[in-house]
Amino acid sequence: MPPASPRGGISLVPPWVGYWLLFSALVSLQEAAFLYLRPRSLRGGSLAYLFPHYGVYVELDGLFADPVDRTLRLLSAASLVEVPVQLLVAVYAMPASAGLPAATLGLSVLAATVVKTGLFLAYDWPHVVDGAAGGWARLIVVGASLPWIVVPLTGMVAVHRRLRRVLGRSERKVS
């Protein structure tokens, strides 16, 4: 018979966090491809058919239309560093077997997503086109970015609660 799990069968990373990280990794890869393939990925470009939904961003956000903006590419490069970690945590979280290493990496990558999104919004704010969408452009850009702040923060709270529950149980066993 295999030894009992030190976590008592509790995954330290909720499966929904793993699914979120998988989804976030796919979105990050697509955004990076859009940004690094500009101007071919822009409307009228040879690869524009792969990125039809980014046409809205290009209309609302001057950065997405600017093929030489380096800061947006730098933030996208940070996403590409984040993606392998997101995928690794997702692999461990989805079958509900995530231990302390996955929880630590999960907390780190969730925090990185919040910070990166905050930096994007701070940098992007002056570039959003005021006249686009009848003055609603900033609200639309913030609304589209909000899930990448709210969901990771919620995931961090969920992982932290599980860590406290398991570590509290460990402390009771020792004493």
C-alpha atoms as a PDB file:
ATOM      1  CA  MET A   1       0.000   0.000   0.000  1.00  0.00           C
ATOM      2  CA  PRO A   2       1.411   3.454  -0.953  1.00  0.00           C
ATOM      3  CA  PRO A   3       2.219   5.850   1.882  1.00  0.00           C
ATOM      4  CA  ALA A   4      -0.413   8.461   2.743  1.00  0.00           C
ATOM      5  CA  SER A   5      -0.058  11.834   1.079  1.00  0.00           C
ATOM      6  CA  PRO A   6       1.530  14.423   3.392  1.00  0.00           C
ATOM      7  CA  ARG A   7      -1.210  16.806   2.257  1.00  0.00           C
ATOM      8  CA  GLY A   8      -3.951  14.402   3.250  1.00  0.00           C
ATOM      9  CA  GLY A   9      -5.149  14.163  -0.343  1.00  0.00           C
ATOM     10  CA  ILE A  10      -5.635  17.936  -0.691  1.00  0.00           C
ATOM     11  CA  SER A  11      -4.215  19.632  -3.751  1.00  0.00           C
ATOM     12  CA  LEU A  12      -2.619  22.908  -2.722  1.00  0.00           C
ATOM     13  CA  VAL A  13      -3.633  24.474  -6.042  1.00  0.00           C
ATOM     14  CA  PRO A  14      -7.353  24.274  -6.806  1.00  0.00           C
ATOM     15  CA  PRO A  15      -8.042  22.692 -10.214  1.00  0.00           C
ATOM     16  CA  TRP A  16      -9.869  25.827 -11.403  1.00  0.00           C
ATOM     17  CA  VAL A  17      -6.608  27.769 -10.934  1.00  0.00           C
ATOM     18  CA  GLY A  18      -4.905  25.259 -13.223  1.00  0.00           C
ATOM     19  CA  TYR A  19      -7.595  25.744 -15.867  1.00  0.00           C
ATOM     20  CA  TRP A  20      -7.263  29.509 -15.549  1.00  0.00           C
ATOM     21  CA  LEU A  21      -3.488  29.292 -15.975  1.00  0.00           C
ATOM     22  CA  LEU A  22      -3.920  27.131 -19.067  1.00  0.00           C
ATOM     23  CA  PHE A  23      -6.385  29.632 -20.549  1.00  0.00           C
ATOM     24  CA  SER A  24      -4.132  32.562 -19.602  1.00  0.00           C
ATOM     25  CA  ALA A  25      -1.120  30.852 -21.211  1.00  0.00           C
ATOM     26  CA  LEU A  26      -3.016  30.405 -24.484  1.00  0.00           C
ATOM     27  CA  VAL A  27      -4.132  34.050 -24.491  1.00  0.00           C
ATOM     28  CA  SER A  28      -0.576  35.197 -23.701  1.00  0.00           C
ATOM     29  CA  LEU A  29       0.823  33.124 -26.571  1.00  0.00           C
ATOM     30  CA  GLN A  30      -1.729  34.545 -28.988  1.00  0.00           C
ATOM     31  CA  GLU A  31      -1.102  38.123 -27.880  1.00  0.00           C
ATOM     32  CA  ALA A  32       2.654  37.661 -28.167  1.00  0.00           C
ATOM     33  CA  ALA A  33       2.227  36.245 -31.664  1.00  0.00           C
ATOM     34  CA  PHE A  34       0.047  39.221 -32.627  1.00  0.00           C
ATOM     35  CA  LEU A  35       2.591  41.719 -31.287  1.00  0.00           C
ATOM     36  CA  TYR A  36       5.715  40.054 -32.654  1.00  0.00           C
ATOM     37  CA  LEU A  37       4.197  39.478 -36.084  1.00  0.00           C
ATOM     38  CA  ARG A  38       3.140  43.101 -36.599  1.00  0.00           C
ATOM     39  CA  PRO A  39       2.613  44.591 -39.203  1.00  0.00           C
ATOM     40  CA  ARG A  40       1.615  41.287 -40.876  1.00  0.00           C
ATOM     41  CA  SER A  41      -0.854  40.557 -38.044  1.00  0.00           C
ATOM     42  CA  LEU A  42      -2.557  43.964 -38.386  1.00  0.00           C
ATOM     43  CA  ARG A  43      -5.688  44.500 -40.467  1.00  0.00           C
ATOM     44  CA  GLY A  44      -4.752  44.124 -44.130  1.00  0.00           C
ATOM     45  CA  GLY A  45      -1.635  42.105 -43.302  1.00  0.00           C
ATOM     46  CA  SER A  46      -0.997  38.614 -44.605  1.00  0.00           C
ATOM     47  CA  LEU A  47      -1.657  37.059 -41.142  1.00  0.00           C
ATOM     48  CA  ALA A  48      -4.552  39.299 -40.040  1.00  0.00           C
ATOM     49  CA  TYR A  49      -7.021  36.424 -40.460  1.00  0.00           C
ATOM     50  CA  LEU A  50      -5.396  34.710 -37.452  1.00  0.00           C
ATOM     51  CA  PHE A  51      -6.123  37.704 -35.194  1.00  0.00           C
ATOM     52  CA  PRO A  52      -9.531  39.139 -36.157  1.00  0.00           C
ATOM     53  CA  HIS A  53     -10.477  40.104 -32.575  1.00  0.00           C
ATOM     54  CA  TYR A  54      -7.350  42.237 -32.189  1.00  0.00           C
ATOM     55  CA  GLY A  55      -8.865  44.645 -34.720  1.00  0.00           C
ATOM     56  CA  VAL A  56     -10.907  46.072 -31.829  1.00  0.00           C
ATOM     57  CA  TYR A  57      -7.769  46.635 -29.746  1.00  0.00           C
ATOM     58  CA  VAL A  58      -6.045  48.322 -32.657  1.00  0.00           C
ATOM     59  CA  GLU A  59      -8.948  50.765 -32.966  1.00  0.00           C
ATOM     60  CA  LEU A  60      -9.052  51.515 -29.231  1.00  0.00           C
ATOM     61  CA  ASP A  61      -5.405  51.316 -28.328  1.00  0.00           C
ATOM     62  CA  GLY A  62      -2.651  53.161 -30.142  1.00  0.00           C
ATOM     63  CA  LEU A  63      -0.003  50.782 -28.794  1.00  0.00           C
ATOM     64  CA  PHE A  64      -1.471  47.723 -30.466  1.00  0.00           C
ATOM     65  CA  ALA A  65      -1.407  49.541 -33.790  1.00  0.00           C
ATOM     66  CA  ASP A  66       2.193  50.742 -33.322  1.00  0.00           C
ATOM     67  CA  PRO A  67       4.521  48.068 -34.734  1.00  0.00           C
ATOM     68  CA  VAL A  68       7.638  49.618 -33.168  1.00  0.00           C
ATOM     69  CA  ASP A  69       6.495  50.047 -29.550  1.00  0.00           C
ATOM     70  CA  ARG A  70       9.138  48.250 -27.493  1.00  0.00           C
ATOM     71  CA  THR A  71       7.462  48.417 -24.090  1.00  0.00           C
ATOM     72  CA  LEU A  72       4.475  46.406 -25.250  1.00  0.00           C
ATOM     73  CA  ARG A  73       6.861  43.838 -26.714  1.00  0.00           C
ATOM     74  CA  LEU A  74       8.767  43.751 -23.428  1.00  0.00           C
ATOM     75  CA  LEU A  75       5.557  43.072 -21.480  1.00  0.00           C
ATOM     76  CA  SER A  76       4.745  40.394 -24.029  1.00  0.00           C
ATOM     77  CA  ALA A  77       8.205  38.872 -23.525  1.00  0.00           C
ATOM     78  CA  ALA A  78       7.410  38.718 -19.800  1.00  0.00           C
ATOM     79  CA  SER A  79       4.275  36.787 -20.742  1.00  0.00           C
ATOM     80  CA  LEU A  80       6.365  34.332 -22.725  1.00  0.00           C
ATOM     81  CA  VAL A  81       8.529  33.737 -19.652  1.00  0.00           C
ATOM     82  CA  GLU A  82       5.359  33.271 -17.621  1.00  0.00           C
ATOM     83  CA  VAL A  83       3.749  30.751 -20.017  1.00  0.00           C
ATOM     84  CA  PRO A  84       5.939  27.701 -19.250  1.00  0.00           C
ATOM     85  CA  VAL A  85       5.410  28.201 -15.511  1.00  0.00           C
ATOM     86  CA  GLN A  86       1.649  28.590 -16.043  1.00  0.00           C
ATOM     87  CA  LEU A  87       1.588  25.359 -18.034  1.00  0.00           C
ATOM     88  CA  LEU A  88       3.670  23.511 -15.434  1.00  0.00           C
ATOM     89  CA  VAL A  89       1.385  24.540 -12.562  1.00  0.00           C
ATOM     90  CA  ALA A  90      -1.690  23.739 -14.701  1.00  0.00           C
ATOM     91  CA  VAL A  91      -0.388  20.216 -15.341  1.00  0.00           C
ATOM     92  CA  TYR A  92      -0.083  19.598 -11.598  1.00  0.00           C
ATOM     93  CA  ALA A  93      -3.271  21.419 -10.579  1.00  0.00           C
ATOM     94  CA  MET A  94      -5.749  19.889 -12.994  1.00  0.00           C
ATOM     95  CA  PRO A  95      -5.452  16.271 -11.772  1.00  0.00           C
ATOM     96  CA  ALA A  96      -5.634  17.635  -8.203  1.00  0.00           C
ATOM     97  CA  SER A  97      -2.176  16.541  -7.128  1.00  0.00           C
ATOM     98  CA  ALA A  98      -0.432  19.876  -6.704  1.00  0.00           C
ATOM     99  CA  GLY A  99       1.993  20.018  -3.806  1.00  0.00           C
ATOM    100  CA  LEU A 100       4.138  22.732  -2.267  1.00  0.00           C
ATOM    101  CA  PRO A 101       6.338  23.338  -5.355  1.00  0.00           C
ATOM    102  CA  ALA A 102       3.261  23.825  -7.558  1.00  0.00           C
ATOM    103  CA  ALA A 103       1.656  26.075  -4.936  1.00  0.00           C
ATOM    104  CA  THR A 104       4.805  28.206  -4.712  1.00  0.00           C
ATOM    105  CA  LEU A 105       5.113  28.476  -8.484  1.00  0.00           C
ATOM    106  CA  GLY A 106       1.376  29.080  -8.737  1.00  0.00           C
ATOM    107  CA  LEU A 107       1.479  31.971  -6.269  1.00  0.00           C
ATOM    108  CA  SER A 108       4.475  33.424  -8.119  1.00  0.00           C
ATOM    109  CA  VAL A 109       2.948  33.227 -11.578  1.00  0.00           C
ATOM    110  CA  LEU A 110      -0.432  34.535 -10.390  1.00  0.00           C
ATOM    111  CA  ALA A 111       1.315  37.498  -8.747  1.00  0.00           C
ATOM    112  CA  ALA A 112       3.363  38.078 -11.909  1.00  0.00           C
ATOM    113  CA  THR A 113       0.165  38.199 -13.964  1.00  0.00           C
ATOM    114  CA  VAL A 114      -1.338  40.837 -11.658  1.00  0.00           C
ATOM    115  CA  VAL A 115       1.830  42.956 -11.725  1.00  0.00           C
ATOM    116  CA  LYS A 116       2.272  42.642 -15.490  1.00  0.00           C
ATOM    117  CA  THR A 117      -1.360  43.596 -16.114  1.00  0.00           C
ATOM    118  CA  GLY A 118      -1.060  46.572 -13.766  1.00  0.00           C
ATOM    119  CA  LEU A 119       2.089  47.739 -15.558  1.00  0.00           C
ATOM    120  CA  PHE A 120       0.349  47.323 -18.909  1.00  0.00           C
ATOM    121  CA  LEU A 121      -2.618  49.432 -17.792  1.00  0.00           C
ATOM    122  CA  ALA A 122      -0.390  52.149 -16.316  1.00  0.00           C
ATOM    123  CA  TYR A 123       1.724  52.341 -19.476  1.00  0.00           C
ATOM    124  CA  ASP A 124      -1.210  51.988 -21.839  1.00  0.00           C
ATOM    125  CA  TRP A 125      -3.572  54.536 -20.263  1.00  0.00           C
ATOM    126  CA  PRO A 126      -2.305  57.595 -22.196  1.00  0.00           C
ATOM    127  CA  HIS A 127      -2.298  55.661 -25.487  1.00  0.00           C
ATOM    128  CA  VAL A 128      -5.941  54.663 -25.458  1.00  0.00           C
ATOM    129  CA  VAL A 129      -7.794  56.600 -28.130  1.00  0.00           C
ATOM    130  CA  ASP A 130     -10.212  58.996 -26.444  1.00  0.00           C
ATOM    131  CA  GLY A 131     -12.495  59.399 -29.440  1.00  0.00           C
ATOM    132  CA  ALA A 132     -12.862  55.676 -30.133  1.00  0.00           C
ATOM    133  CA  ALA A 133     -16.070  53.922 -29.103  1.00  0.00           C
ATOM    134  CA  GLY A 134     -17.712  57.181 -28.135  1.00  0.00           C
ATOM    135  CA  GLY A 135     -15.321  57.879 -25.262  1.00  0.00           C
ATOM    136  CA  TRP A 136     -15.733  54.381 -23.805  1.00  0.00           C
ATOM    137  CA  ALA A 137     -12.306  53.169 -24.955  1.00  0.00           C
ATOM    138  CA  ARG A 138     -10.599  53.330 -21.555  1.00  0.00           C
ATOM    139  CA  LEU A 139     -13.491  51.557 -19.871  1.00  0.00           C
ATOM    140  CA  ILE A 140     -13.356  48.810 -22.513  1.00  0.00           C
ATOM    141  CA  VAL A 141      -9.578  48.371 -22.170  1.00  0.00           C
ATOM    142  CA  VAL A 142      -9.796  48.251 -18.354  1.00  0.00           C
ATOM    143  CA  GLY A 143     -12.764  45.871 -18.531  1.00  0.00           C
ATOM    144  CA  ALA A 144     -10.877  43.545 -20.861  1.00  0.00           C
ATOM    145  CA  SER A 145      -7.835  43.602 -18.552  1.00  0.00           C
ATOM    146  CA  LEU A 146      -9.736  43.228 -15.284  1.00  0.00           C
ATOM    147  CA  PRO A 147     -10.012  39.406 -15.413  1.00  0.00           C
ATOM    148  CA  TRP A 148      -6.201  39.230 -15.467  1.00  0.00           C
ATOM    149  CA  ILE A 149      -6.195  41.036 -12.119  1.00  0.00           C
ATOM    150  CA  VAL A 150      -9.312  39.690 -10.388  1.00  0.00           C
ATOM    151  CA  VAL A 151      -8.955  35.989 -11.256  1.00  0.00           C
ATOM    152  CA  PRO A 152      -5.252  35.715 -10.317  1.00  0.00           C
ATOM    153  CA  LEU A 153      -5.891  37.571  -7.033  1.00  0.00           C
ATOM    154  CA  THR A 154      -8.754  35.185  -6.287  1.00  0.00           C
ATOM    155  CA  GLY A 155      -6.465  32.263  -7.162  1.00  0.00           C
ATOM    156  CA  MET A 156      -3.791  33.579  -4.814  1.00  0.00           C
ATOM    157  CA  VAL A 157      -6.326  33.732  -1.988  1.00  0.00           C
ATOM    158  CA  ALA A 158      -7.524  30.174  -2.758  1.00  0.00           C
ATOM    159  CA  VAL A 159      -3.972  28.756  -2.781  1.00  0.00           C
ATOM    160  CA  HIS A 160      -3.096  30.669   0.389  1.00  0.00           C
ATOM    161  CA  ARG A 161      -6.161  29.286   2.188  1.00  0.00           C
ATOM    162  CA  ARG A 162      -5.247  25.738   1.207  1.00  0.00           C
ATOM    163  CA  LEU A 163      -1.679  26.259   2.350  1.00  0.00           C
ATOM    164  CA  ARG A 164      -2.882  27.575   5.717  1.00  0.00           C
ATOM    165  CA  ARG A 165      -5.265  24.640   6.119  1.00  0.00           C
ATOM    166  CA  VAL A 166      -2.597  22.044   5.325  1.00  0.00           C
ATOM    167  CA  LEU A 167       0.176  23.772   7.260  1.00  0.00           C
ATOM    168  CA  GLY A 168      -2.140  24.227  10.237  1.00  0.00           C
ATOM    169  CA  ARG A 169      -2.868  20.490  10.137  1.00  0.00           C
ATOM    170  CA  SER A 170       0.891  19.786  10.024  1.00  0.00           C
ATOM    171  CA  GLU A 171       1.517  21.988  13.046  1.00  0.00           C
ATOM    172  CA  ARG A 172      -1.169  20.159  15.037  1.00  0.00           C
ATOM    173  CA  LYS A 173       0.445  16.799  14.157  1.00  0.00           C
ATOM    174  CA  VAL A 174       3.860  17.989  15.396  1.00  0.00           C
ATOM    175  CA  SER A 175       2.611  19.338  18.734  1.00  0.00           C
END
